[in-house]
Amino acid sequence: MNLLRVENLKKKLSESRLSMAAIERKAGLKRNYIQNIVYGRTKNVPLEHINAISTALECSPAEIIDVDLIKENLDLDQYHHIEWDRFFFLIVLNKIENELIKQEIIPTLDDIIGMVRSCYVYAFENKKKELDDDFISWVVKNHFS
């Protein structure tokens, strides 16, 4: 599964007005790496590269990932009482990303999905669409211990 959504990357590249080569240099990536992503020659972009690209583009990783792919894999169908809220999902994802960076952890897509599901479901089951940083930190630490 490719976590990066190419259409989102193209949009951010266009908005940045920088060349792909300039973004690659800023991100510390090999020459033509972004071009290979855009033209479908590179399929599975690791999260560490997504983070590097988003930093170079001065955007959040959540802005260039495939939110729909994560949503499909969250498997929220078993939680009939929980509604899908894209905006809140992005908040949860961003908080988890920040904590992963802080703890210097490079997760797999399955790790991300598991942590997002835990936080998202917890927030809705407790009828509050907010998560404090201590809870996010606890989820990340427990996921990897």
N, C-alpha and C. Protein backbone atom coordinates (compact mmCIF):
# COMPACT_ATOMS: atom_id res chain seq x y z
N MET A 1 0.84 -1.18 0.00
CA MET A 1 0.00 0.00 0.00
C MET A 1 0.88 1.24 0.00
N ASN A 2 0.53 2.19 -0.83
CA ASN A 2 1.27 3.44 -0.89
C ASN A 2 0.55 4.49 -0.06
N LEU A 3 1.20 4.95 0.97
CA LEU A 3 0.62 5.93 1.88
C LEU A 3 0.53 7.32 1.25
N LEU A 4 1.40 7.59 0.29
CA LEU A 4 1.44 8.91 -0.33
C LEU A 4 0.41 9.00 -1.45
N ARG A 5 -0.33 10.08 -1.50
CA ARG A 5 -1.30 10.31 -2.59
C ARG A 5 -0.64 11.24 -3.59
N VAL A 6 -0.40 10.71 -4.80
CA VAL A 6 0.34 11.43 -5.83
C VAL A 6 -0.35 12.74 -6.22
N GLU A 7 -1.68 12.75 -6.29
CA GLU A 7 -2.40 13.97 -6.66
C GLU A 7 -2.13 15.08 -5.64
N ASN A 8 -2.10 14.71 -4.37
CA ASN A 8 -1.82 15.70 -3.31
C ASN A 8 -0.39 16.22 -3.42
N LEU A 9 0.53 15.32 -3.72
CA LEU A 9 1.93 15.71 -3.90
C LEU A 9 2.07 16.68 -5.08
N LYS A 10 1.44 16.36 -6.19
CA LYS A 10 1.49 17.24 -7.37
C LYS A 10 0.97 18.63 -7.04
N LYS A 11 -0.13 18.69 -6.30
CA LYS A 11 -0.72 19.97 -5.93
C LYS A 11 0.25 20.78 -5.08
N LYS A 12 0.85 20.13 -4.09
CA LYS A 12 1.79 20.82 -3.21
C LYS A 12 3.05 21.25 -3.97
N LEU A 13 3.50 20.43 -4.91
CA LEU A 13 4.65 20.81 -5.74
C LEU A 13 4.33 22.06 -6.55
N SER A 14 3.15 22.09 -7.12
CA SER A 14 2.72 23.23 -7.91
C SER A 14 2.64 24.49 -7.05
N GLU A 15 2.07 24.35 -5.86
CA GLU A 15 1.94 25.49 -4.94
C GLU A 15 3.29 26.01 -4.47
N SER A 16 4.27 25.12 -4.36
CA SER A 16 5.58 25.52 -3.83
C SER A 16 6.38 26.35 -4.82
N ARG A 17 6.10 26.17 -6.10
CA ARG A 17 6.82 26.85 -7.18
C ARG A 17 8.30 26.50 -7.22
N LEU A 18 8.68 25.42 -6.55
CA LEU A 18 10.04 24.92 -6.60
C LEU A 18 10.09 23.73 -7.55
N SER A 19 11.23 23.50 -8.13
CA SER A 19 11.38 22.34 -9.01
C SER A 19 11.43 21.06 -8.18
N MET A 20 11.18 19.95 -8.84
CA MET A 20 11.28 18.66 -8.14
C MET A 20 12.70 18.47 -7.62
N ALA A 21 13.69 18.87 -8.42
CA ALA A 21 15.10 18.73 -8.01
C ALA A 21 15.39 19.56 -6.76
N ALA A 22 14.82 20.75 -6.68
CA ALA A 22 15.03 21.60 -5.50
C ALA A 22 14.40 20.96 -4.25
N ILE A 23 13.22 20.41 -4.41
CA ILE A 23 12.55 19.73 -3.29
C ILE A 23 13.37 18.51 -2.86
N GLU A 24 13.85 17.75 -3.83
CA GLU A 24 14.68 16.57 -3.51
C GLU A 24 15.92 16.98 -2.72
N ARG A 25 16.58 18.06 -3.14
CA ARG A 25 17.77 18.54 -2.42
C ARG A 25 17.40 18.96 -0.99
N LYS A 26 16.31 19.73 -0.85
CA LYS A 26 15.88 20.17 0.48
C LYS A 26 15.53 18.99 1.37
N ALA A 27 14.95 17.95 0.76
CA ALA A 27 14.51 16.78 1.52
C ALA A 27 15.64 15.77 1.74
N GLY A 28 16.77 15.97 1.07
CA GLY A 28 17.88 15.03 1.20
C GLY A 28 17.63 13.71 0.50
N LEU A 29 16.87 13.77 -0.60
CA LEU A 29 16.52 12.56 -1.35
C LEU A 29 17.36 12.45 -2.62
N LYS A 30 17.41 11.26 -3.18
CA LYS A 30 18.17 11.03 -4.41
C LYS A 30 17.55 11.79 -5.58
N ARG A 31 18.38 12.09 -6.54
CA ARG A 31 17.94 12.77 -7.76
C ARG A 31 16.85 11.94 -8.46
N ASN A 32 15.83 12.60 -8.95
CA ASN A 32 14.70 12.01 -9.68
C ASN A 32 13.75 11.19 -8.80
N TYR A 33 13.95 11.18 -7.49
CA TYR A 33 13.09 10.40 -6.60
C TYR A 33 11.64 10.88 -6.68
N ILE A 34 11.43 12.18 -6.59
CA ILE A 34 10.06 12.71 -6.63
C ILE A 34 9.47 12.50 -8.03
N GLN A 35 10.26 12.70 -9.05
CA GLN A 35 9.77 12.45 -10.42
C GLN A 35 9.32 10.99 -10.56
N ASN A 36 10.07 10.08 -9.98
CA ASN A 36 9.70 8.66 -10.03
C ASN A 36 8.39 8.40 -9.29
N ILE A 37 8.14 9.13 -8.21
CA ILE A 37 6.87 9.00 -7.49
C ILE A 37 5.73 9.52 -8.36
N VAL A 38 5.92 10.71 -8.90
CA VAL A 38 4.88 11.38 -9.69
C VAL A 38 4.50 10.55 -10.91
N TYR A 39 5.48 9.92 -11.54
CA TYR A 39 5.20 9.13 -12.75
C TYR A 39 4.96 7.65 -12.48
N GLY A 40 4.82 7.28 -11.21
CA GLY A 40 4.42 5.93 -10.86
C GLY A 40 5.53 4.89 -10.88
N ARG A 41 6.77 5.32 -11.01
CA ARG A 41 7.87 4.35 -11.02
C ARG A 41 8.29 3.95 -9.61
N THR A 42 8.00 4.79 -8.64
CA THR A 42 8.23 4.46 -7.23
C THR A 42 6.86 4.39 -6.57
N LYS A 43 6.53 3.25 -6.01
CA LYS A 43 5.18 3.03 -5.49
C LYS A 43 5.07 3.18 -3.99
N ASN A 44 5.88 2.48 -3.24
CA ASN A 44 5.75 2.47 -1.78
C ASN A 44 6.75 3.43 -1.15
N VAL A 45 6.29 4.63 -0.87
CA VAL A 45 7.14 5.67 -0.31
C VAL A 45 7.11 5.53 1.21
N PRO A 46 8.28 5.31 1.83
CA PRO A 46 8.30 5.16 3.29
C PRO A 46 7.89 6.46 3.99
N LEU A 47 7.37 6.32 5.20
CA LEU A 47 6.91 7.48 5.96
C LEU A 47 8.04 8.48 6.20
N GLU A 48 9.26 7.99 6.40
CA GLU A 48 10.39 8.91 6.61
C GLU A 48 10.61 9.80 5.39
N HIS A 49 10.38 9.27 4.18
CA HIS A 49 10.51 10.09 2.97
C HIS A 49 9.33 11.05 2.83
N ILE A 50 8.14 10.59 3.22
CA ILE A 50 6.97 11.47 3.21
C ILE A 50 7.21 12.64 4.16
N ASN A 51 7.76 12.37 5.33
CA ASN A 51 8.08 13.43 6.28
C ASN A 51 9.11 14.39 5.70
N ALA A 52 10.15 13.86 5.05
CA ALA A 52 11.19 14.71 4.46
C ALA A 52 10.61 15.58 3.34
N ILE A 53 9.76 14.99 2.50
CA ILE A 53 9.15 15.74 1.40
C ILE A 53 8.23 16.82 1.94
N SER A 54 7.42 16.48 2.93
CA SER A 54 6.49 17.47 3.48
C SER A 54 7.25 18.61 4.16
N THR A 55 8.35 18.30 4.81
CA THR A 55 9.17 19.36 5.42
C THR A 55 9.73 20.27 4.35
N ALA A 56 10.23 19.69 3.27
CA ALA A 56 10.77 20.49 2.15
C ALA A 56 9.68 21.34 1.50
N LEU A 57 8.46 20.79 1.45
CA LEU A 57 7.33 21.53 0.86
C LEU A 57 6.67 22.49 1.85
N GLU A 58 7.15 22.45 3.10
CA GLU A 58 6.60 23.28 4.18
C GLU A 58 5.10 23.04 4.37
N CYS A 59 4.76 21.74 4.46
CA CYS A 59 3.38 21.35 4.72
C CYS A 59 3.40 20.18 5.71
N SER A 60 2.25 19.81 6.18
CA SER A 60 2.12 18.66 7.07
C SER A 60 2.13 17.38 6.24
N PRO A 61 2.70 16.29 6.76
CA PRO A 61 2.60 15.02 6.04
C PRO A 61 1.16 14.63 5.73
N ALA A 62 0.23 15.03 6.61
CA ALA A 62 -1.19 14.72 6.40
C ALA A 62 -1.73 15.33 5.11
N GLU A 63 -1.06 16.37 4.61
CA GLU A 63 -1.52 17.03 3.39
C GLU A 63 -1.14 16.27 2.12
N ILE A 64 -0.20 15.32 2.22
CA ILE A 64 0.21 14.59 1.01
C ILE A 64 -0.01 13.08 1.11
N ILE A 65 -0.58 12.64 2.22
CA ILE A 65 -0.86 11.21 2.33
C ILE A 65 -2.25 10.88 1.79
N ASP A 66 -2.51 9.61 1.66
CA ASP A 66 -3.79 9.13 1.15
C ASP A 66 -4.72 8.85 2.34
N VAL A 67 -5.46 9.89 2.73
CA VAL A 67 -6.38 9.79 3.88
C VAL A 67 -7.41 8.69 3.64
N ASP A 68 -7.90 8.58 2.41
CA ASP A 68 -8.92 7.57 2.11
C ASP A 68 -8.40 6.15 2.31
N LEU A 69 -7.14 5.92 1.98
CA LEU A 69 -6.55 4.60 2.18
C LEU A 69 -6.52 4.26 3.67
N ILE A 70 -6.13 5.22 4.48
CA ILE A 70 -6.11 4.97 5.93
C ILE A 70 -7.53 4.76 6.44
N LYS A 71 -8.46 5.59 5.97
CA LYS A 71 -9.87 5.45 6.41
C LYS A 71 -10.39 4.04 6.11
N GLU A 72 -10.12 3.55 4.89
CA GLU A 72 -10.58 2.20 4.51
C GLU A 72 -10.02 1.14 5.45
N ASN A 73 -8.78 1.33 5.88
CA ASN A 73 -8.12 0.33 6.71
C ASN A 73 -8.36 0.51 8.21
N LEU A 74 -9.01 1.61 8.60
CA LEU A 74 -9.32 1.82 10.01
C LEU A 74 -10.34 0.81 10.51
N ASP A 75 -11.15 0.29 9.60
CA ASP A 75 -12.16 -0.71 9.94
C ASP A 75 -13.08 -0.21 11.04
N LEU A 76 -13.69 0.96 10.79
CA LEU A 76 -14.60 1.54 11.78
C LEU A 76 -16.00 0.94 11.70
N ASP A 77 -16.24 0.03 10.75
CA ASP A 77 -17.57 -0.57 10.60
C ASP A 77 -18.04 -1.28 11.86
N GLN A 78 -17.10 -1.82 12.62
CA GLN A 78 -17.46 -2.52 13.85
C GLN A 78 -17.93 -1.56 14.94
N TYR A 79 -17.67 -0.28 14.74
CA TYR A 79 -18.09 0.75 15.70
C TYR A 79 -19.23 1.55 15.07
N HIS A 80 -20.42 1.00 15.07
CA HIS A 80 -21.56 1.61 14.36
C HIS A 80 -21.92 2.98 14.88
N HIS A 81 -21.61 3.26 16.11
CA HIS A 81 -21.96 4.53 16.74
C HIS A 81 -20.95 5.64 16.43
N ILE A 82 -19.87 5.30 15.73
CA ILE A 82 -18.83 6.28 15.46
C ILE A 82 -18.95 6.80 14.03
N GLU A 83 -19.08 8.11 13.93
CA GLU A 83 -19.20 8.74 12.61
C GLU A 83 -17.81 9.09 12.07
N TRP A 84 -17.74 9.21 10.77
CA TRP A 84 -16.48 9.61 10.14
C TRP A 84 -16.42 11.13 10.11
N ASP A 85 -15.33 11.66 10.64
CA ASP A 85 -15.10 13.10 10.66
C ASP A 85 -13.69 13.34 10.14
N ARG A 86 -13.60 13.70 8.87
CA ARG A 86 -12.30 13.87 8.21
C ARG A 86 -11.43 14.90 8.93
N PHE A 87 -12.03 16.01 9.33
CA PHE A 87 -11.26 17.06 9.99
C PHE A 87 -10.67 16.55 11.30
N PHE A 88 -11.47 15.86 12.12
CA PHE A 88 -10.96 15.32 13.38
C PHE A 88 -9.92 14.24 13.12
N PHE A 89 -10.13 13.43 12.10
CA PHE A 89 -9.16 12.40 11.73
C PHE A 89 -7.80 13.04 11.45
N LEU A 90 -7.79 14.14 10.71
CA LEU A 90 -6.53 14.81 10.38
C LEU A 90 -5.86 15.39 11.63
N ILE A 91 -6.66 15.86 12.57
CA ILE A 91 -6.11 16.34 13.85
C ILE A 91 -5.43 15.18 14.58
N VAL A 92 -6.13 14.04 14.66
CA VAL A 92 -5.57 12.86 15.33
C VAL A 92 -4.28 12.43 14.64
N LEU A 93 -4.32 12.34 13.32
CA LEU A 93 -3.14 11.92 12.57
C LEU A 93 -1.98 12.88 12.80
N ASN A 94 -2.24 14.16 12.78
CA ASN A 94 -1.19 15.15 12.98
C ASN A 94 -0.58 15.03 14.38
N LYS A 95 -1.42 14.84 15.40
CA LYS A 95 -0.91 14.68 16.77
C LYS A 95 -0.04 13.42 16.88
N ILE A 96 -0.48 12.35 16.25
CA ILE A 96 0.32 11.11 16.28
C ILE A 96 1.63 11.30 15.54
N GLU A 97 1.59 11.95 14.38
CA GLU A 97 2.82 12.23 13.63
C GLU A 97 3.81 13.02 14.47
N ASN A 98 3.33 14.05 15.15
CA ASN A 98 4.21 14.87 15.98
C ASN A 98 4.83 14.06 17.10
N GLU A 99 4.05 13.18 17.70
CA GLU A 99 4.58 12.35 18.79
C GLU A 99 5.59 11.34 18.26
N LEU A 100 5.34 10.77 17.10
CA LEU A 100 6.29 9.83 16.49
C LEU A 100 7.62 10.51 16.20
N ILE A 101 7.54 11.74 15.69
CA ILE A 101 8.76 12.51 15.41
C ILE A 101 9.50 12.79 16.72
N LYS A 102 8.75 13.21 17.73
CA LYS A 102 9.34 13.52 19.04
C LYS A 102 10.04 12.29 19.63
N GLN A 103 9.42 11.12 19.47
CA GLN A 103 10.00 9.90 20.01
C GLN A 103 10.96 9.22 19.03
N GLU A 104 11.15 9.84 17.86
CA GLU A 104 12.04 9.33 16.82
C GLU A 104 11.71 7.90 16.41
N ILE A 105 10.42 7.68 16.16
CA ILE A 105 9.92 6.37 15.76
C ILE A 105 9.48 6.45 14.30
N ILE A 106 9.88 5.46 13.51
CA ILE A 106 9.43 5.37 12.13
C ILE A 106 8.48 4.18 12.03
N PRO A 107 7.18 4.46 11.97
CA PRO A 107 6.18 3.38 12.00
C PRO A 107 5.88 2.82 10.61
N THR A 108 5.25 1.67 10.61
CA THR A 108 4.70 1.13 9.37
C THR A 108 3.30 1.70 9.18
N LEU A 109 2.72 1.47 8.03
CA LEU A 109 1.35 1.91 7.79
C LEU A 109 0.40 1.23 8.78
N ASP A 110 0.62 -0.04 9.06
CA ASP A 110 -0.23 -0.76 10.02
C ASP A 110 -0.12 -0.14 11.42
N ASP A 111 1.09 0.29 11.80
CA ASP A 111 1.26 0.97 13.09
C ASP A 111 0.42 2.24 13.13
N ILE A 112 0.50 3.04 12.07
CA ILE A 112 -0.25 4.30 12.01
C ILE A 112 -1.74 4.03 12.11
N ILE A 113 -2.21 3.06 11.35
CA ILE A 113 -3.64 2.73 11.35
C ILE A 113 -4.08 2.29 12.75
N GLY A 114 -3.30 1.47 13.41
CA GLY A 114 -3.65 1.00 14.75
C GLY A 114 -3.72 2.14 15.75
N MET A 115 -2.74 3.03 15.70
CA MET A 115 -2.74 4.15 16.66
C MET A 115 -3.86 5.14 16.38
N VAL A 116 -4.09 5.43 15.10
CA VAL A 116 -5.18 6.34 14.75
C VAL A 116 -6.52 5.75 15.18
N ARG A 117 -6.72 4.45 14.93
CA ARG A 117 -7.97 3.80 15.33
C ARG A 117 -8.17 3.91 16.85
N SER A 118 -7.13 3.61 17.61
CA SER A 118 -7.23 3.68 19.08
C SER A 118 -7.65 5.07 19.54
N CYS A 119 -6.99 6.09 19.01
CA CYS A 119 -7.27 7.47 19.44
C CYS A 119 -8.63 7.94 18.97
N TYR A 120 -8.95 7.62 17.73
CA TYR A 120 -10.21 8.07 17.13
C TYR A 120 -11.40 7.45 17.88
N VAL A 121 -11.33 6.14 18.09
CA VAL A 121 -12.42 5.44 18.78
C VAL A 121 -12.52 5.92 20.23
N TYR A 122 -11.40 6.08 20.89
CA TYR A 122 -11.41 6.56 22.28
C TYR A 122 -12.11 7.91 22.38
N ALA A 123 -11.77 8.82 21.48
CA ALA A 123 -12.36 10.17 21.51
C ALA A 123 -13.88 10.10 21.34
N PHE A 124 -14.34 9.30 20.38
CA PHE A 124 -15.78 9.22 20.14
C PHE A 124 -16.51 8.48 21.25
N GLU A 125 -15.91 7.44 21.79
CA GLU A 125 -16.56 6.70 22.86
C GLU A 125 -16.67 7.53 24.14
N ASN A 126 -15.78 8.48 24.30
CA ASN A 126 -15.82 9.36 25.46
C ASN A 126 -16.51 10.69 25.13
N LYS A 127 -17.18 10.71 23.98
CA LYS A 127 -17.99 11.85 23.56
C LYS A 127 -17.26 13.19 23.61
N LYS A 128 -15.99 13.14 23.23
CA LYS A 128 -15.26 14.39 23.13
C LYS A 128 -14.29 14.30 21.95
N LYS A 129 -14.38 15.26 21.09
CA LYS A 129 -13.52 15.26 19.93
C LYS A 129 -12.25 16.06 20.22
N GLU A 130 -11.56 15.61 21.21
CA GLU A 130 -10.28 16.22 21.55
C GLU A 130 -9.42 15.18 22.23
N LEU A 131 -8.14 15.30 22.05
CA LEU A 131 -7.20 14.38 22.67
C LEU A 131 -6.05 15.18 23.24
N ASP A 132 -5.71 14.92 24.49
CA ASP A 132 -4.59 15.67 25.03
C ASP A 132 -3.28 14.98 24.64
N ASP A 133 -2.21 15.75 24.70
CA ASP A 133 -0.91 15.26 24.27
C ASP A 133 -0.41 14.09 25.11
N ASP A 134 -0.77 14.06 26.39
CA ASP A 134 -0.36 12.95 27.25
C ASP A 134 -0.98 11.63 26.79
N PHE A 135 -2.24 11.69 26.36
CA PHE A 135 -2.90 10.48 25.87
C PHE A 135 -2.24 10.00 24.58
N ILE A 136 -1.96 10.91 23.67
CA ILE A 136 -1.30 10.55 22.40
C ILE A 136 0.06 9.91 22.70
N SER A 137 0.82 10.52 23.60
CA SER A 137 2.12 9.98 23.97
C SER A 137 1.99 8.57 24.55
N TRP A 138 0.98 8.37 25.39
CA TRP A 138 0.73 7.05 25.99
C TRP A 138 0.39 6.02 24.91
N VAL A 139 -0.45 6.38 23.96
CA VAL A 139 -0.82 5.45 22.88
C VAL A 139 0.41 5.04 22.08
N VAL A 140 1.23 6.02 21.72
CA VAL A 140 2.43 5.72 20.92
C VAL A 140 3.38 4.83 21.71
N LYS A 141 3.64 5.19 22.95
CA LYS A 141 4.56 4.38 23.78
C LYS A 141 4.05 2.96 23.94
N ASN A 142 2.75 2.81 24.23
CA ASN A 142 2.19 1.47 24.43
C ASN A 142 2.15 0.67 23.14
N HIS A 143 1.97 1.34 22.03
CA HIS A 143 1.93 0.62 20.75
C HIS A 143 3.28 -0.04 20.44
N PHE A 144 4.36 0.62 20.84
CA PHE A 144 5.69 0.11 20.51
C PHE A 144 6.39 -0.59 21.67
N SER A 145 5.67 -0.83 22.76
CA SER A 145 6.33 -1.53 23.89
C SER A 145 5.91 -2.97 23.95
